[in-house]
Amino acid sequence: MAKNAKDEPTPGIVLVDKPAGWTSHDVVGRMRRLAGTRKVGHAGTLDPMATGLLVIGVGKATKLLTYVVGHDKVYEATIRLGQATVTDDAEGDITSEADATGVTADQIGAAIADLTGDIMQVPSAVSAIKINGERAYKRVRDGEDVEIPARPVTVTEFKVLGARRVGAVIDLDVRVDVSSGTYVRALARDLGAALGVGGHLTALRRLSVGDFEVADAMTLDTLGAMVEAGGEVPRLSLGDAAADILPVRALTPREATTLGFGQSLEGEEALVEGGLLAGLTADSELVAIVKQVDGRLKPEIVFKPSQA
């Protein structure tokens, strides 16, 4: 019996400009309806208050998402100095207030410098990190005091774009370029703590994930209108998406067949031992994600199986 076309959707990556008030799961649900399949996932959660780039995988492209998550990310955000909250953002109740009007630009600059580079960061207590098998945010909401161990992260850029005094608080517009796993909410919290006045995040917009840019993303309203007009959700092909995510290894027809059977390519000089490559044909079809191990290219995931 032939499979329903909706069971095997055209695979690809969709770049969505997430609106405020939507969870990442909400966006996935909407995309499932627009793409006509349940085979939809996302790479990297955005909080409901945040807007900006959400990388969506459709069909077999969901297997690529694990390679997207680890890429650096760029955000623009607004940090309010003078108020701390239980969630480190505007969604939570205020836990402390202080007059921040005496904080100088030099003091802010020095504190930001200390939060730039390779640092140890304690994630926000209200996060999806699991503590003893249970999400931290659930423990907090159940009234528990949650202690999450610090972890290494890299803040490549932490730049003030503008500053405004609003009563007793200061709002800083900033741009940050951070490694995967960095919490911008925690940067706001730690900046306020270092200045002695408390701080939290009031706005957050993700501009990029690796080579994917929000400038190339579409809103859900635009995508919905395209589908309602009889079109399909536009997708970046597996090959083009993989080339944006990983270095490319061009394959000969014989090599593509070998990898398609799940077999390794021998005699390869590893550029980076254990490194990953996207194996593409001359027509930019993604055959497999391969790992360089002991002079071989070993397929991790085969996207274009060879026929016996």
Protein backbone atom coordinates (compact mmCIF):
# COMPACT_ATOMS: atom_id res chain seq x y z
CA MET A 1 0.00 0.00 0.00
CA ALA A 2 1.39 3.41 -0.97
CA LYS A 3 2.10 5.80 1.82
CA ASN A 4 0.06 8.92 2.18
CA ALA A 5 2.07 11.90 0.89
CA LYS A 6 1.55 13.60 4.21
CA ASP A 7 3.41 10.75 5.92
CA GLU A 8 6.57 11.57 3.92
CA PRO A 9 6.65 15.36 3.62
CA THR A 10 9.16 17.19 1.50
CA PRO A 11 12.06 17.57 3.93
CA GLY A 12 13.72 20.86 4.65
CA ILE A 13 14.52 23.65 7.07
CA VAL A 14 12.09 26.51 7.67
CA LEU A 15 13.25 29.72 9.32
CA VAL A 16 10.47 31.24 11.41
CA ASP A 17 10.41 34.68 13.03
CA LYS A 18 8.67 33.72 16.28
CA PRO A 19 6.18 36.22 17.67
CA ALA A 20 6.07 37.25 21.32
CA GLY A 21 3.67 35.27 23.49
CA TRP A 22 4.16 32.00 21.60
CA THR A 23 6.07 29.05 23.02
CA SER A 24 8.43 27.18 20.73
CA HIS A 25 6.03 24.23 21.02
CA ASP A 26 3.19 26.49 19.84
CA VAL A 27 5.20 27.28 16.70
CA VAL A 28 5.88 23.60 16.08
CA GLY A 29 2.15 22.89 16.40
CA ARG A 30 1.30 25.61 13.88
CA MET A 31 3.98 24.36 11.49
CA ARG A 32 2.61 20.81 11.70
CA ARG A 33 -0.73 22.09 10.45
CA LEU A 34 0.81 24.25 7.73
CA ALA A 35 3.16 21.51 6.49
CA GLY A 36 0.54 18.77 6.84
CA THR A 37 2.73 16.47 8.92
CA ARG A 38 3.62 15.73 12.53
CA LYS A 39 7.27 15.30 11.55
CA VAL A 40 8.27 18.79 12.71
CA GLY A 41 10.77 19.90 15.34
CA HIS A 42 12.81 22.93 16.37
CA ALA A 43 16.44 23.60 17.21
CA GLY A 44 16.76 25.61 20.42
CA THR A 45 13.87 26.86 22.54
CA LEU A 46 12.88 30.51 22.73
CA ASP A 47 10.98 31.70 25.81
CA PRO A 48 7.42 32.96 25.19
CA MET A 49 8.45 36.59 25.75
CA ALA A 50 11.24 36.30 23.16
CA THR A 51 10.95 36.90 19.43
CA GLY A 52 13.16 36.08 16.50
CA LEU A 53 14.75 33.16 14.78
CA LEU A 54 13.43 29.66 15.39
CA VAL A 55 14.97 26.98 13.17
CA ILE A 56 12.30 24.44 12.22
CA GLY A 57 12.92 21.04 10.65
CA VAL A 58 10.28 19.29 8.54
CA GLY A 59 10.38 15.58 7.71
CA LYS A 60 13.84 14.06 7.55
CA ALA A 61 15.30 17.52 8.25
CA THR A 62 14.42 17.02 11.91
CA LYS A 63 17.51 14.76 11.99
CA LEU A 64 19.64 17.80 11.14
CA LEU A 65 18.43 19.82 14.11
CA THR A 66 20.81 18.17 16.57
CA TYR A 67 23.70 19.68 14.56
CA VAL A 68 22.12 23.16 14.67
CA VAL A 69 21.62 23.34 18.44
CA GLY A 70 25.33 23.58 19.24
CA HIS A 71 26.00 26.65 17.09
CA ASP A 72 26.65 30.12 18.51
CA LYS A 73 23.71 32.49 18.73
CA VAL A 74 23.33 36.27 18.47
CA TYR A 75 20.67 38.21 20.35
CA GLU A 76 19.52 41.75 20.92
CA ALA A 77 18.05 42.30 24.36
CA THR A 78 16.96 44.89 26.91
CA ILE A 79 18.28 44.60 30.46
CA ARG A 80 16.61 46.53 33.27
CA LEU A 81 18.98 47.51 36.07
CA GLY A 82 17.37 48.23 39.44
CA GLN A 83 14.98 45.29 39.65
CA ALA A 84 15.55 41.56 40.11
CA THR A 85 12.85 38.96 39.42
CA VAL A 86 12.34 35.32 40.34
CA THR A 87 12.67 34.27 36.67
CA ASP A 88 15.42 36.75 35.71
CA ASP A 89 13.03 38.17 33.12
CA ALA A 90 9.86 40.26 32.98
CA GLU A 91 7.62 37.18 33.31
CA GLY A 92 8.43 36.73 37.00
CA ASP A 93 7.56 38.60 40.17
CA ILE A 94 9.97 41.30 41.34
CA THR A 95 12.08 40.08 44.25
CA SER A 96 14.11 43.22 44.92
CA GLU A 97 14.34 46.86 43.85
CA ALA A 98 17.09 49.45 44.11
CA ASP A 99 17.80 52.93 42.79
CA ALA A 100 20.07 52.40 39.77
CA THR A 101 20.43 56.05 38.79
CA GLY A 102 23.83 56.30 40.47
CA VAL A 103 25.33 53.54 38.32
CA THR A 104 27.83 55.02 35.84
CA ALA A 105 28.65 54.01 32.28
CA ASP A 106 32.17 53.09 33.41
CA GLN A 107 30.82 50.78 36.08
CA ILE A 108 28.50 49.12 33.56
CA GLY A 109 31.37 48.72 31.11
CA ALA A 110 33.61 47.11 33.72
CA ALA A 111 30.89 44.70 34.83
CA ILE A 112 30.15 43.73 31.22
CA ALA A 113 33.85 43.11 30.60
CA ASP A 114 33.85 40.63 33.49
CA LEU A 115 30.94 38.81 31.84
CA THR A 116 32.66 38.60 28.45
CA GLY A 117 34.85 35.76 27.20
CA ASP A 118 35.00 32.29 28.72
CA ILE A 119 32.99 32.45 31.94
CA MET A 120 31.24 30.16 34.40
CA GLN A 121 27.50 30.79 34.40
CA VAL A 122 24.77 29.54 36.71
CA PRO A 123 21.67 29.04 34.53
CA SER A 124 18.42 30.66 35.57
CA ALA A 125 16.54 28.63 38.16
CA VAL A 126 13.44 28.78 35.97
CA SER A 127 14.94 26.82 33.09
CA ALA A 128 14.41 23.50 31.33
CA ILE A 129 17.56 22.01 32.86
CA LYS A 130 16.87 18.75 34.67
CA ILE A 131 17.82 18.45 38.35
CA ASN A 132 17.58 14.86 39.59
CA GLY A 133 15.41 14.00 36.61
CA GLU A 134 12.95 16.89 36.97
CA ARG A 135 12.90 20.23 35.14
CA ALA A 136 14.26 23.09 37.24
CA TYR A 137 11.30 25.34 36.43
CA LYS A 138 8.86 22.76 37.78
CA ARG A 139 10.77 22.53 41.05
CA VAL A 140 10.74 26.32 41.39
CA ARG A 141 7.01 26.48 40.67
CA ASP A 142 6.48 23.80 43.32
CA GLY A 143 8.15 26.10 45.83
CA GLU A 144 11.54 24.40 46.04
CA ASP A 145 14.85 26.22 46.26
CA VAL A 146 16.79 25.07 43.22
CA GLU A 147 20.57 25.19 42.98
CA ILE A 148 21.98 24.62 39.50
CA PRO A 149 25.74 24.16 39.18
CA ALA A 150 27.70 26.68 37.13
CA ARG A 151 28.75 25.63 33.64
CA PRO A 152 31.30 27.01 31.18
CA VAL A 153 29.95 29.26 28.43
CA THR A 154 31.51 31.74 26.03
CA VAL A 155 30.29 35.30 25.55
CA THR A 156 32.08 36.49 22.42
CA GLU A 157 30.40 39.91 22.38
CA PHE A 158 28.47 41.85 25.01
CA LYS A 159 27.88 45.34 23.65
CA VAL A 160 25.71 48.20 24.89
CA LEU A 161 23.71 49.71 22.02
CA GLY A 162 21.89 52.32 24.10
CA ALA A 163 20.81 53.27 27.61
CA ARG A 164 17.75 54.99 29.07
CA ARG A 165 16.89 56.12 32.61
CA VAL A 166 13.27 55.33 33.47
CA GLY A 167 12.54 56.59 36.96
CA ALA A 168 14.85 54.72 39.33
CA VAL A 169 15.85 52.06 36.80
CA ILE A 170 18.18 51.98 33.79
CA ASP A 171 17.25 50.10 30.62
CA LEU A 172 20.20 48.88 28.57
CA ASP A 173 19.78 47.77 24.97
CA VAL A 174 22.51 45.21 24.28
CA ARG A 175 23.77 42.84 21.63
CA VAL A 176 25.30 39.54 22.68
CA ASP A 177 27.04 36.80 20.72
CA VAL A 178 27.11 33.65 22.85
CA SER A 179 27.86 29.96 22.76
CA SER A 180 25.14 27.34 22.88
CA GLY A 181 23.78 26.86 26.39
CA THR A 182 24.26 30.49 27.45
CA TYR A 183 21.29 32.08 29.21
CA VAL A 184 20.87 35.75 28.32
CA ARG A 185 18.52 36.04 31.30
CA ALA A 186 21.39 34.94 33.51
CA LEU A 187 23.65 37.59 31.97
CA ALA A 188 21.05 40.22 32.90
CA ARG A 189 20.81 38.81 36.43
CA ASP A 190 24.58 38.68 36.90
CA LEU A 191 25.13 42.16 35.48
CA GLY A 192 22.61 43.61 37.93
CA ALA A 193 24.13 41.65 40.81
CA ALA A 194 27.64 42.83 39.97
CA LEU A 195 26.43 46.44 40.02
CA GLY A 196 24.62 45.92 43.33
CA VAL A 197 21.19 46.94 42.04
CA GLY A 198 19.74 43.74 40.58
CA GLY A 199 18.77 43.19 36.99
CA HIS A 200 16.47 41.26 34.70
CA LEU A 201 15.63 40.85 31.02
CA THR A 202 12.67 42.78 29.62
CA ALA A 203 13.05 41.97 25.90
CA LEU A 204 14.90 39.39 23.83
CA ARG A 205 15.19 38.84 20.09
CA ARG A 206 17.30 36.11 18.47
CA LEU A 207 19.04 37.35 15.35
CA SER A 208 20.97 34.28 14.28
CA VAL A 209 21.84 30.66 14.94
CA GLY A 210 25.11 29.77 13.28
CA ASP A 211 24.78 30.83 9.63
CA PHE A 212 20.98 31.06 9.79
CA GLU A 213 19.70 34.67 10.02
CA VAL A 214 16.37 36.08 11.15
CA ALA A 215 16.53 38.37 8.10
CA ASP A 216 15.81 35.25 6.02
CA ALA A 217 12.95 34.08 8.25
CA MET A 218 9.21 34.42 7.68
CA THR A 219 6.43 35.11 10.13
CA LEU A 220 3.75 32.53 10.83
CA ASP A 221 1.18 34.89 9.33
CA THR A 222 3.12 35.05 6.06
CA LEU A 223 3.55 31.29 5.94
CA GLY A 224 -0.12 30.79 6.73
CA ALA A 225 -1.16 33.13 3.92
CA MET A 226 1.03 31.23 1.46
CA VAL A 227 -0.60 27.93 2.40
CA GLU A 228 -4.11 29.41 2.31
CA ALA A 229 -3.36 30.67 -1.22
CA GLY A 230 -2.65 27.10 -2.30
CA GLY A 231 1.10 27.10 -1.92
CA GLU A 232 3.43 25.13 0.32
CA VAL A 233 5.66 26.17 3.19
CA PRO A 234 8.97 27.12 1.53
CA ARG A 235 11.88 25.06 2.79
CA LEU A 236 15.64 25.10 2.55
CA SER A 237 16.61 21.76 1.01
CA LEU A 238 18.47 19.12 3.01
CA GLY A 239 21.64 19.70 1.00
CA ASP A 240 21.59 23.48 1.27
CA ALA A 241 20.71 23.32 4.97
CA ALA A 242 23.47 20.82 5.72
CA ALA A 243 25.99 23.03 3.89
CA ASP A 244 25.01 25.90 6.21
CA ILE A 245 25.42 23.71 9.27
CA LEU A 246 28.56 21.64 8.59
CA PRO A 247 31.64 21.60 6.35
CA VAL A 248 30.94 19.84 3.06
CA ARG A 249 32.61 16.71 1.66
CA ALA A 250 31.90 16.43 -2.09
CA LEU A 251 31.12 12.85 -3.08
CA THR A 252 31.70 10.94 -6.29
CA PRO A 253 28.82 8.71 -7.46
CA ARG A 254 30.70 5.64 -6.18
CA GLU A 255 31.29 7.26 -2.77
CA ALA A 256 27.64 8.30 -2.55
CA THR A 257 26.60 4.70 -3.18
CA THR A 258 29.01 3.40 -0.54
CA LEU A 259 27.76 5.80 2.10
CA GLY A 260 24.18 5.13 1.05
CA PHE A 261 24.70 1.48 1.99
CA GLY A 262 25.89 2.63 5.42
CA GLN A 263 29.51 1.72 4.67
CA SER A 264 32.58 3.82 5.47
CA LEU A 265 34.94 5.49 3.05
CA GLU A 266 38.49 4.35 3.67
CA GLY A 267 41.77 6.21 3.42
CA GLU A 268 40.53 9.63 4.49
CA GLU A 269 42.89 12.07 6.13
CA ALA A 270 40.91 13.55 9.00
CA LEU A 271 40.86 17.33 9.13
CA VAL A 272 39.61 17.10 12.70
CA GLU A 273 39.52 13.69 14.36
CA GLY A 274 35.91 13.05 15.30
CA GLY A 275 34.78 15.99 13.18
CA LEU A 276 31.53 15.95 11.24
CA LEU A 277 31.01 16.61 7.54
CA ALA A 278 27.99 16.79 5.24
CA GLY A 279 28.45 14.36 2.35
CA LEU A 280 26.89 15.94 -0.76
CA THR A 281 26.61 14.79 -4.36
CA ALA A 282 27.51 17.02 -7.31
CA ASP A 283 23.82 17.96 -7.41
CA SER A 284 23.94 19.09 -3.75
CA GLU A 285 21.88 16.16 -2.51
CA LEU A 286 22.62 15.22 1.09
CA VAL A 287 23.66 11.58 1.21
CA ALA A 288 24.85 11.35 4.81
CA ILE A 289 26.32 13.12 7.79
CA VAL A 290 29.73 11.50 8.24
CA LYS A 291 32.22 11.41 11.10
CA GLN A 292 35.98 11.34 10.61
CA VAL A 293 37.38 8.45 12.64
CA ASP A 294 40.79 6.76 12.27
CA GLY A 295 41.27 7.76 8.64
CA ARG A 296 37.72 6.80 7.64
CA LEU A 297 34.51 8.64 6.93
CA LYS A 298 31.88 6.77 8.88
CA PRO A 299 28.19 7.58 8.19
CA GLU A 300 26.34 8.78 11.29
CA ILE A 301 22.98 9.36 9.58
CA VAL A 302 22.14 8.28 6.03
CA PHE A 303 19.63 10.52 4.29
CA LYS A 304 19.79 8.98 0.79
CA PRO A 305 19.98 5.19 1.09
CA SER A 306 21.36 3.24 -1.84
CA GLN A 307 19.16 0.62 -3.44
CA ALA A 308 20.42 -2.97 -3.43
